[in-house]
Amino acid sequence: MSDQTYDRPGPGMAAASLILGVFGLMVVWIPLIGMIAWVLSPLGLVLGLVALRNPAGRGVAIAGVTCSAIGLLACFGWAMLFGASVSI
């Protein structure tokens, strides 16, 4: 049995945040398939914010938070654009 403690997230959480953020940012621009970004972007944002507590992988976590936040903003932009076009 190892003496490792699991009180801090490893760099894997930061990498997962970056992957989810980039993938969410890529699919948000595809009509109908972009609905997946409504799940990927917030999940990547939460994982990145949790991973920021760990000094290992901090740069990757910042990149993941940034990509996820931009993807989430793009989701809200699409929702506002769709709402404006429907209300006309």
C-alpha atoms as a PDB file:
ATOM      1  CA  MET A   1       0.000   0.000   0.000  1.00  0.00           C
ATOM      2  CA  SER A   2       1.399   3.415  -0.886  1.00  0.00           C
ATOM      3  CA  ASP A   3       1.583   6.451   1.340  1.00  0.00           C
ATOM      4  CA  GLN A   4       0.179   8.830  -1.252  1.00  0.00           C
ATOM      5  CA  THR A   5      -2.454  11.281  -0.153  1.00  0.00           C
ATOM      6  CA  TYR A   6      -5.111  12.415  -2.581  1.00  0.00           C
ATOM      7  CA  ASP A   7      -5.967  15.793  -1.111  1.00  0.00           C
ATOM      8  CA  ARG A   8      -4.723  17.774  -4.134  1.00  0.00           C
ATOM      9  CA  PRO A   9      -5.687  17.298  -7.760  1.00  0.00           C
ATOM     10  CA  GLY A  10      -2.920  16.190 -10.095  1.00  0.00           C
ATOM     11  CA  PRO A  11      -1.991  17.638 -13.454  1.00  0.00           C
ATOM     12  CA  GLY A  12      -4.434  15.213 -15.069  1.00  0.00           C
ATOM     13  CA  MET A  13      -7.343  17.388 -14.005  1.00  0.00           C
ATOM     14  CA  ALA A  14      -5.705  20.405 -15.642  1.00  0.00           C
ATOM     15  CA  ALA A  15      -5.158  18.426 -18.844  1.00  0.00           C
ATOM     16  CA  ALA A  16      -8.791  17.282 -18.817  1.00  0.00           C
ATOM     17  CA  SER A  17      -9.865  20.894 -18.417  1.00  0.00           C
ATOM     18  CA  LEU A  18      -7.793  21.931 -21.426  1.00  0.00           C
ATOM     19  CA  ILE A  19      -9.085  19.076 -23.567  1.00  0.00           C
ATOM     20  CA  LEU A  20     -12.711  19.783 -22.676  1.00  0.00           C
ATOM     21  CA  GLY A  21     -12.226  23.522 -23.199  1.00  0.00           C
ATOM     22  CA  VAL A  22     -10.608  23.165 -26.617  1.00  0.00           C
ATOM     23  CA  PHE A  23     -13.114  20.569 -27.788  1.00  0.00           C
ATOM     24  CA  GLY A  24     -16.030  22.663 -26.521  1.00  0.00           C
ATOM     25  CA  LEU A  25     -14.583  25.709 -28.269  1.00  0.00           C
ATOM     26  CA  MET A  26     -14.317  23.767 -31.522  1.00  0.00           C
ATOM     27  CA  VAL A  27     -17.825  22.293 -31.547  1.00  0.00           C
ATOM     28  CA  VAL A  28     -19.675  25.413 -30.369  1.00  0.00           C
ATOM     29  CA  TRP A  29     -19.553  26.790 -33.918  1.00  0.00           C
ATOM     30  CA  ILE A  30     -21.231  23.729 -35.500  1.00  0.00           C
ATOM     31  CA  PRO A  31     -25.040  24.092 -35.622  1.00  0.00           C
ATOM     32  CA  LEU A  32     -26.966  21.512 -33.553  1.00  0.00           C
ATOM     33  CA  ILE A  33     -23.803  19.589 -32.641  1.00  0.00           C
ATOM     34  CA  GLY A  34     -22.673  22.688 -30.755  1.00  0.00           C
ATOM     35  CA  MET A  35     -25.199  21.888 -28.039  1.00  0.00           C
ATOM     36  CA  ILE A  36     -22.529  19.542 -26.666  1.00  0.00           C
ATOM     37  CA  ALA A  37     -20.518  22.645 -25.744  1.00  0.00           C
ATOM     38  CA  TRP A  38     -23.181  23.529 -23.142  1.00  0.00           C
ATOM     39  CA  VAL A  39     -21.941  20.489 -21.210  1.00  0.00           C
ATOM     40  CA  LEU A  40     -18.236  20.477 -22.090  1.00  0.00           C
ATOM     41  CA  SER A  41     -17.446  24.133 -21.396  1.00  0.00           C
ATOM     42  CA  PRO A  42     -18.830  24.361 -17.833  1.00  0.00           C
ATOM     43  CA  LEU A  43     -17.301  20.986 -16.970  1.00  0.00           C
ATOM     44  CA  GLY A  44     -13.909  22.123 -18.275  1.00  0.00           C
ATOM     45  CA  LEU A  45     -14.262  25.389 -16.377  1.00  0.00           C
ATOM     46  CA  VAL A  46     -14.965  23.635 -13.070  1.00  0.00           C
ATOM     47  CA  LEU A  47     -12.126  21.147 -13.554  1.00  0.00           C
ATOM     48  CA  GLY A  48      -9.724  23.962 -14.424  1.00  0.00           C
ATOM     49  CA  LEU A  49     -10.699  26.036 -11.414  1.00  0.00           C
ATOM     50  CA  VAL A  50     -10.225  23.057  -9.110  1.00  0.00           C
ATOM     51  CA  ALA A  51      -6.878  22.224 -10.749  1.00  0.00           C
ATOM     52  CA  LEU A  52      -5.616  25.775 -10.166  1.00  0.00           C
ATOM     53  CA  ARG A  53      -5.013  24.865  -6.514  1.00  0.00           C
ATOM     54  CA  ASN A  54      -2.202  22.528  -7.545  1.00  0.00           C
ATOM     55  CA  PRO A  55       1.098  24.146  -8.574  1.00  0.00           C
ATOM     56  CA  ALA A  56       1.843  21.225 -10.925  1.00  0.00           C
ATOM     57  CA  GLY A  57       0.113  21.897 -14.212  1.00  0.00           C
ATOM     58  CA  ARG A  58      -0.973  25.411 -13.293  1.00  0.00           C
ATOM     59  CA  GLY A  59      -0.296  26.792 -16.786  1.00  0.00           C
ATOM     60  CA  VAL A  60      -2.348  24.035 -18.378  1.00  0.00           C
ATOM     61  CA  ALA A  61      -5.164  24.728 -15.911  1.00  0.00           C
ATOM     62  CA  ILE A  62      -5.122  28.437 -16.800  1.00  0.00           C
ATOM     63  CA  ALA A  63      -5.293  27.557 -20.501  1.00  0.00           C
ATOM     64  CA  GLY A  64      -8.186  25.171 -19.802  1.00  0.00           C
ATOM     65  CA  VAL A  65     -10.095  27.797 -17.815  1.00  0.00           C
ATOM     66  CA  THR A  66      -9.537  30.350 -20.583  1.00  0.00           C
ATOM     67  CA  CYS A  67     -10.689  28.045 -23.396  1.00  0.00           C
ATOM     68  CA  SER A  68     -13.686  26.858 -21.384  1.00  0.00           C
ATOM     69  CA  ALA A  69     -14.724  30.410 -20.495  1.00  0.00           C
ATOM     70  CA  ILE A  70     -14.497  31.528 -24.133  1.00  0.00           C
ATOM     71  CA  GLY A  71     -16.507  28.467 -25.176  1.00  0.00           C
ATOM     72  CA  LEU A  72     -19.167  29.236 -22.570  1.00  0.00           C
ATOM     73  CA  LEU A  73     -19.344  32.860 -23.709  1.00  0.00           C
ATOM     74  CA  ALA A  74     -19.758  31.643 -27.285  1.00  0.00           C
ATOM     75  CA  CYS A  75     -22.619  29.387 -26.130  1.00  0.00           C
ATOM     76  CA  PHE A  76     -24.370  32.360 -24.565  1.00  0.00           C
ATOM     77  CA  GLY A  77     -23.698  34.397 -27.711  1.00  0.00           C
ATOM     78  CA  TRP A  78     -25.338  31.729 -29.857  1.00  0.00           C
ATOM     79  CA  ALA A  79     -28.325  31.602 -27.481  1.00  0.00           C
ATOM     80  CA  MET A  80     -28.743  35.388 -27.659  1.00  0.00           C
ATOM     81  CA  LEU A  81     -28.418  35.356 -31.450  1.00  0.00           C
ATOM     82  CA  PHE A  82     -30.981  32.574 -31.733  1.00  0.00           C
ATOM     83  CA  GLY A  83     -33.350  34.342 -29.341  1.00  0.00           C
ATOM     84  CA  ALA A  84     -33.057  37.590 -31.278  1.00  0.00           C
ATOM     85  CA  SER A  85     -33.735  35.854 -34.589  1.00  0.00           C
ATOM     86  CA  VAL A  86     -36.784  34.005 -33.227  1.00  0.00           C
ATOM     87  CA  SER A  87     -38.318  37.135 -31.718  1.00  0.00           C
ATOM     88  CA  ILE A  88     -38.327  39.001 -35.043  1.00  0.00           C
END
